[in-house]
């Protein structure tokens, strides 16, 4: 069974407060007498389900087209259930309880239950959503060598309230070139759908559209289960 856990892009979807909206413009149309329909789009790389490459926050680090394609394919994904409210967080101590599960994981998905409110309360979805702490990010990156990426059901891994003033510490903890391999970051993922899968989760495919020189890319993300 294949379950899509990425969102369809549209102009009205929730997004990071300072991001511009998506635009889809009709260039050719049957209505205007053209031989076909054709559209152009304006897309912000951090709207909708997307992946952050190290170059997003680490100077001189790899951009999206430089990431090996196998790094977007996961055979040992783990979904951790952390229901959190506004301003909540997940710390290192809470993750340590799952060390045995995380030992062989190549993707960890932190389900804050914010995907549950994305459609019905988009303003709340982007307002001071839950995050992991910087210490939790360092722990994941340094403790689990098989881990390749982290996914969250929020528009960012840093808070919209404190990120700018604090210097985006979670992004940097996951992406900086400080001796450990970086962890890719998937944001705005429908982890509610993933949590509802009744069968055994086998794989996650999360392949981005890669624009040369870009720091991120929109993703089609799907879970393969039995």
Protein backbone atom coordinates (compact mmCIF):
# COMPACT_ATOMS: atom_id res chain seq x y z
CA UNK A 1 0.00 0.00 0.00
CA UNK A 2 1.21 3.52 -0.81
CA UNK A 3 0.11 6.48 1.33
CA UNK A 4 0.98 10.04 0.34
CA UNK A 5 2.07 12.18 3.32
CA UNK A 6 2.97 15.35 1.42
CA UNK A 7 0.47 18.15 0.84
CA UNK A 8 -0.87 19.47 -2.46
CA UNK A 9 0.47 22.96 -3.14
CA UNK A 10 -1.98 25.86 -3.35
CA UNK A 11 -2.04 29.60 -2.77
CA UNK A 12 -4.02 29.43 0.47
CA UNK A 13 -2.10 26.73 2.33
CA UNK A 14 -0.51 27.50 5.73
CA UNK A 15 3.07 28.71 5.50
CA UNK A 16 5.84 30.34 7.53
CA UNK A 17 4.54 33.86 8.28
CA UNK A 18 7.16 35.74 6.22
CA UNK A 19 7.01 33.45 3.17
CA UNK A 20 5.27 34.76 0.04
CA UNK A 21 2.23 32.85 -1.19
CA UNK A 22 2.26 30.40 -4.07
CA UNK A 23 1.11 31.62 -7.49
CA UNK A 24 -0.16 29.57 -10.41
CA UNK A 25 -0.63 31.47 -13.67
CA UNK A 26 -2.30 30.19 -16.83
CA UNK A 27 -0.08 30.89 -19.82
CA UNK A 28 -2.05 28.99 -22.46
CA UNK A 29 -5.65 27.77 -22.34
CA UNK A 30 -8.27 26.13 -24.49
CA UNK A 31 -10.65 28.96 -23.52
CA UNK A 32 -8.33 31.48 -25.21
CA UNK A 33 -8.06 29.43 -28.37
CA UNK A 34 -4.66 27.92 -27.58
CA UNK A 35 -3.88 24.34 -28.63
CA UNK A 36 -3.24 23.24 -25.04
CA UNK A 37 -3.31 24.24 -21.38
CA UNK A 38 -0.01 25.37 -19.84
CA UNK A 39 0.80 26.99 -16.50
CA UNK A 40 3.71 28.81 -14.89
CA UNK A 41 4.17 28.93 -11.14
CA UNK A 42 5.93 30.92 -8.47
CA UNK A 43 7.04 28.62 -5.68
CA UNK A 44 8.80 29.45 -2.42
CA UNK A 45 11.06 26.51 -1.53
CA UNK A 46 9.85 26.46 2.08
CA UNK A 47 6.11 26.39 1.40
CA UNK A 48 4.32 23.07 1.64
CA UNK A 49 6.03 19.74 2.22
CA UNK A 50 9.72 20.28 1.51
CA UNK A 51 13.22 19.21 2.44
CA UNK A 52 16.01 21.48 3.70
CA UNK A 53 19.53 20.75 2.45
CA UNK A 54 22.61 21.67 4.54
CA UNK A 55 23.14 24.79 2.41
CA UNK A 56 19.99 26.30 3.93
CA UNK A 57 21.89 27.32 7.07
CA UNK A 58 25.49 26.17 6.63
CA UNK A 59 27.75 28.37 4.53
CA UNK A 60 29.53 26.41 1.80
CA UNK A 61 27.56 23.23 2.49
CA UNK A 62 25.82 21.05 -0.08
CA UNK A 63 22.83 22.42 -1.94
CA UNK A 64 19.84 20.33 -2.92
CA UNK A 65 21.22 19.01 -6.23
CA UNK A 66 24.39 17.83 -4.48
CA UNK A 67 22.59 15.42 -2.15
CA UNK A 68 22.83 11.78 -3.35
CA UNK A 69 19.43 10.55 -4.47
CA UNK A 70 19.60 7.57 -2.08
CA UNK A 71 19.54 10.02 0.85
CA UNK A 72 15.88 10.70 0.03
CA UNK A 73 14.90 7.02 0.33
CA UNK A 74 14.38 5.37 3.72
CA UNK A 75 14.10 1.69 4.60
CA UNK A 76 13.93 2.02 8.41
CA UNK A 77 11.58 4.93 9.13
CA UNK A 78 10.38 5.50 12.70
CA UNK A 79 7.29 7.47 13.77
CA UNK A 80 7.40 8.81 17.34
CA UNK A 81 4.19 10.09 18.90
CA UNK A 82 4.69 13.33 20.85
CA UNK A 83 1.35 15.17 21.22
CA UNK A 84 2.18 18.81 21.93
CA UNK A 85 0.29 22.07 22.21
CA UNK A 86 1.26 25.64 21.39
CA UNK A 87 4.88 26.36 22.28
CA UNK A 88 5.55 22.75 23.27
CA UNK A 89 8.81 20.93 22.68
CA UNK A 90 10.47 17.52 22.66
CA UNK A 91 13.75 17.28 24.54
CA UNK A 92 16.71 14.95 24.58
CA UNK A 93 15.44 13.06 27.64
CA UNK A 94 12.21 12.12 25.87
CA UNK A 95 14.07 10.85 22.81
CA UNK A 96 16.42 8.79 24.96
CA UNK A 97 13.49 6.57 25.92
CA UNK A 98 13.40 5.38 22.30
CA UNK A 99 17.12 4.64 21.86
CA UNK A 100 16.53 0.99 20.99
CA UNK A 101 14.06 1.95 18.25
CA UNK A 102 16.24 4.75 16.91
CA UNK A 103 19.41 2.66 16.77
CA UNK A 104 18.74 1.43 13.23
CA UNK A 105 16.45 4.22 12.02
CA UNK A 106 17.34 6.21 8.91
CA UNK A 107 14.35 8.60 9.20
CA UNK A 108 12.69 9.78 12.41
CA UNK A 109 9.26 11.41 12.17
CA UNK A 110 8.17 13.49 15.17
CA UNK A 111 4.38 13.55 15.25
CA UNK A 112 3.23 16.56 17.30
CA UNK A 113 -0.43 16.08 16.21
CA UNK A 114 -0.30 19.45 14.45
CA UNK A 115 -1.17 17.83 11.12
CA UNK A 116 -4.56 17.22 12.76
CA UNK A 117 -5.34 20.96 12.77
CA UNK A 118 -3.68 22.09 9.52
CA UNK A 119 -6.86 22.22 7.43
CA UNK A 120 -9.37 23.31 10.08
CA UNK A 121 -7.24 25.88 11.94
CA UNK A 122 -4.39 27.10 9.68
CA UNK A 123 -3.69 30.19 11.80
CA UNK A 124 -3.06 28.05 14.86
CA UNK A 125 -1.00 25.65 12.77
CA UNK A 126 1.62 28.31 12.03
CA UNK A 127 1.46 30.13 15.39
CA UNK A 128 4.14 29.00 17.88
CA UNK A 129 3.90 25.35 16.86
CA UNK A 130 5.79 22.60 18.75
CA UNK A 131 9.47 21.94 18.04
CA UNK A 132 12.33 19.80 19.25
CA UNK A 133 14.98 21.44 21.42
CA UNK A 134 18.46 22.18 20.02
CA UNK A 135 19.82 19.60 22.49
CA UNK A 136 17.45 16.98 21.08
CA UNK A 137 18.64 17.81 17.56
CA UNK A 138 22.30 17.44 18.55
CA UNK A 139 21.49 14.15 20.27
CA UNK A 140 19.82 12.69 17.17
CA UNK A 141 22.62 13.78 14.92
CA UNK A 142 25.52 12.65 17.09
CA UNK A 143 24.09 9.51 18.68
CA UNK A 144 22.58 7.67 15.70
CA UNK A 145 25.00 7.27 12.77
CA UNK A 146 22.45 5.49 10.55
CA UNK A 147 20.00 8.39 10.76
CA UNK A 148 19.73 10.48 7.57
CA UNK A 149 16.77 12.79 8.17
CA UNK A 150 14.14 14.20 10.52
CA UNK A 151 10.50 14.98 9.62
CA UNK A 152 7.91 17.06 11.52
CA UNK A 153 4.23 17.91 11.11
CA UNK A 154 4.86 21.65 11.45
CA UNK A 155 6.03 24.37 9.07
CA UNK A 156 9.46 24.45 10.71
CA UNK A 157 11.78 22.84 13.22
CA UNK A 158 12.37 26.24 14.84
CA UNK A 159 9.59 28.28 16.44
CA UNK A 160 8.03 31.17 14.52
CA UNK A 161 8.18 33.14 17.78
CA UNK A 162 11.82 32.67 18.80
CA UNK A 163 13.65 31.50 15.66
CA UNK A 164 14.99 34.81 14.35
CA UNK A 165 16.11 36.14 17.71
CA UNK A 166 17.66 32.82 18.73
CA UNK A 167 19.39 32.32 15.38
CA UNK A 168 17.48 29.23 14.21
CA UNK A 169 19.31 26.89 16.62
CA UNK A 170 17.51 23.65 15.67
CA UNK A 171 18.14 24.12 11.95
CA UNK A 172 21.80 24.79 12.66
CA UNK A 173 22.10 21.85 15.05
CA UNK A 174 20.85 19.54 12.30
CA UNK A 175 22.55 21.10 9.27
CA UNK A 176 25.82 22.75 10.34
CA UNK A 177 29.12 21.37 9.08
CA UNK A 178 30.59 20.73 12.53
CA UNK A 179 32.19 17.32 12.13
CA UNK A 180 29.04 15.19 12.08
CA UNK A 181 27.13 14.38 8.92
CA UNK A 182 24.10 16.69 8.59
CA UNK A 183 20.52 15.47 8.87
CA UNK A 184 18.07 16.50 6.17
CA UNK A 185 14.94 18.24 7.46
CA UNK A 186 11.42 17.52 6.17
CA UNK A 187 8.84 20.10 7.22
CA UNK A 188 5.05 20.38 6.84
CA UNK A 189 4.56 16.61 6.55
CA UNK A 190 1.18 14.92 7.04
CA UNK A 191 2.21 12.62 9.87
CA UNK A 192 -1.44 12.15 10.83
CA UNK A 193 -1.85 10.05 7.70
CA UNK A 194 1.29 8.13 8.56
CA UNK A 195 -0.02 7.44 12.07
CA UNK A 196 -3.25 6.01 10.65
CA UNK A 197 -1.53 3.32 8.59
CA UNK A 198 -2.66 0.00 10.03
CA UNK A 199 -0.09 -2.19 8.31
CA UNK A 200 3.63 -2.50 8.82
CA UNK A 201 5.55 0.54 7.56
CA UNK A 202 8.41 -0.57 5.33
CA UNK A 203 9.76 2.43 3.42
CA UNK A 204 9.42 6.16 2.92
CA UNK A 205 10.20 7.80 -0.42
CA UNK A 206 10.69 11.57 -0.26
CA UNK A 207 12.11 12.73 -3.57
CA UNK A 208 12.39 16.50 -4.12
CA UNK A 209 12.27 18.60 -7.25
CA UNK A 210 15.88 19.79 -7.40
CA UNK A 211 16.66 23.24 -8.77
CA UNK A 212 20.40 23.73 -9.26
CA UNK A 213 21.86 26.02 -6.60
CA UNK A 214 18.79 25.90 -4.32
CA UNK A 215 18.93 25.24 -0.58
CA UNK A 216 15.69 23.21 -0.47
CA UNK A 217 13.05 21.65 -2.66
CA UNK A 218 9.37 20.67 -2.71
CA UNK A 219 8.84 16.99 -1.98
CA UNK A 220 6.46 14.24 -2.98
CA UNK A 221 6.56 12.02 0.10
CA UNK A 222 4.97 8.59 0.40
CA UNK A 223 4.92 5.70 2.85
CA UNK A 224 5.05 2.12 1.59
CA UNK A 225 3.40 -0.35 3.95
CA UNK A 226 2.14 -3.91 4.03
